[in-house]
Amino acid sequence: MGAIRREHQRFRPDEFVAYAFANPVIRGHAIAAGGAALRSRGVWYHVAHH
């Protein structure tokens, strides 16, 4: 959420759900969450995070 806030100033994320639409895949220290959801200012967004 910190990276999103730094890179996209219009977002103020307060919730991030990695498994909202699909199960995350964990490989070593990385998580691929193609079905993630992010809430910013009360609005939910469907996002892919790798």
C-alpha atoms as a PDB file:
ATOM      1  CA  MET A   1       0.000   0.000   0.000  1.00  0.00           C
ATOM      2  CA  GLY A   2       2.931   2.300   0.657  1.00  0.00           C
ATOM      3  CA  ALA A   3       4.229   1.844  -2.889  1.00  0.00           C
ATOM      4  CA  ILE A   4       0.810   2.601  -4.351  1.00  0.00           C
ATOM      5  CA  ARG A   5       0.522   5.743  -2.233  1.00  0.00           C
ATOM      6  CA  ARG A   6       4.007   6.924  -3.289  1.00  0.00           C
ATOM      7  CA  GLU A   7       3.613   6.164  -6.994  1.00  0.00           C
ATOM      8  CA  HIS A   8      -0.038   7.174  -7.458  1.00  0.00           C
ATOM      9  CA  GLN A   9      -0.717  10.339  -5.476  1.00  0.00           C
ATOM     10  CA  ARG A  10      -4.486  10.312  -6.081  1.00  0.00           C
ATOM     11  CA  PHE A  11      -4.868   7.033  -4.168  1.00  0.00           C
ATOM     12  CA  ARG A  12      -5.097   6.849  -0.378  1.00  0.00           C
ATOM     13  CA  PRO A  13      -5.212   3.069   0.122  1.00  0.00           C
ATOM     14  CA  ASP A  14      -6.520   1.817   3.433  1.00  0.00           C
ATOM     15  CA  GLU A  15      -7.183  -1.840   2.551  1.00  0.00           C
ATOM     16  CA  PHE A  16      -5.521  -4.346   0.199  1.00  0.00           C
ATOM     17  CA  VAL A  17      -6.862  -7.885  -0.301  1.00  0.00           C
ATOM     18  CA  ALA A  18      -4.495 -10.097  -2.303  1.00  0.00           C
ATOM     19  CA  TYR A  19      -6.949 -12.982  -2.683  1.00  0.00           C
ATOM     20  CA  ALA A  20     -10.122 -11.068  -3.563  1.00  0.00           C
ATOM     21  CA  PHE A  21     -10.688 -12.660  -6.990  1.00  0.00           C
ATOM     22  CA  ALA A  22      -8.042 -15.399  -7.229  1.00  0.00           C
ATOM     23  CA  ASN A  23      -5.649 -17.209  -4.933  1.00  0.00           C
ATOM     24  CA  PRO A  24      -2.192 -15.613  -4.616  1.00  0.00           C
ATOM     25  CA  VAL A  25       0.849 -17.593  -5.742  1.00  0.00           C
ATOM     26  CA  ILE A  26       3.871 -17.419  -3.431  1.00  0.00           C
ATOM     27  CA  ARG A  27       7.323 -18.030  -4.926  1.00  0.00           C
ATOM     28  CA  GLY A  28      10.207 -17.419  -2.536  1.00  0.00           C
ATOM     29  CA  HIS A  29       9.881 -13.842  -1.311  1.00  0.00           C
ATOM     30  CA  ALA A  30       7.434 -12.775  -4.060  1.00  0.00           C
ATOM     31  CA  ILE A  31       3.648 -12.923  -4.151  1.00  0.00           C
ATOM     32  CA  ALA A  32       1.731 -12.850  -7.440  1.00  0.00           C
ATOM     33  CA  ALA A  33      -1.822 -11.714  -6.732  1.00  0.00           C
ATOM     34  CA  GLY A  34      -3.598 -11.314 -10.044  1.00  0.00           C
ATOM     35  CA  GLY A  35      -6.953 -11.108  -8.346  1.00  0.00           C
ATOM     36  CA  ALA A  36      -6.267  -8.388  -5.789  1.00  0.00           C
ATOM     37  CA  ALA A  37      -8.519  -5.557  -4.636  1.00  0.00           C
ATOM     38  CA  LEU A  38      -7.542  -2.162  -3.258  1.00  0.00           C
ATOM     39  CA  ARG A  39      -9.766   0.279  -1.377  1.00  0.00           C
ATOM     40  CA  SER A  40      -8.992   3.982  -1.607  1.00  0.00           C
ATOM     41  CA  ARG A  41     -11.284   6.658  -0.185  1.00  0.00           C
ATOM     42  CA  GLY A  42     -14.126   4.156   0.113  1.00  0.00           C
ATOM     43  CA  VAL A  43     -13.905   2.922  -3.510  1.00  0.00           C
ATOM     44  CA  TRP A  44     -12.719  -0.599  -4.349  1.00  0.00           C
ATOM     45  CA  TYR A  45     -10.427  -1.222  -7.365  1.00  0.00           C
ATOM     46  CA  HIS A  46      -9.558  -4.537  -9.012  1.00  0.00           C
ATOM     47  CA  VAL A  47      -5.774  -4.676  -9.392  1.00  0.00           C
ATOM     48  CA  ALA A  48      -3.003  -7.075 -10.391  1.00  0.00           C
ATOM     49  CA  HIS A  49       0.075  -6.995  -8.175  1.00  0.00           C
ATOM     50  CA  HIS A  50       3.328  -8.863  -8.846  1.00  0.00           C
END
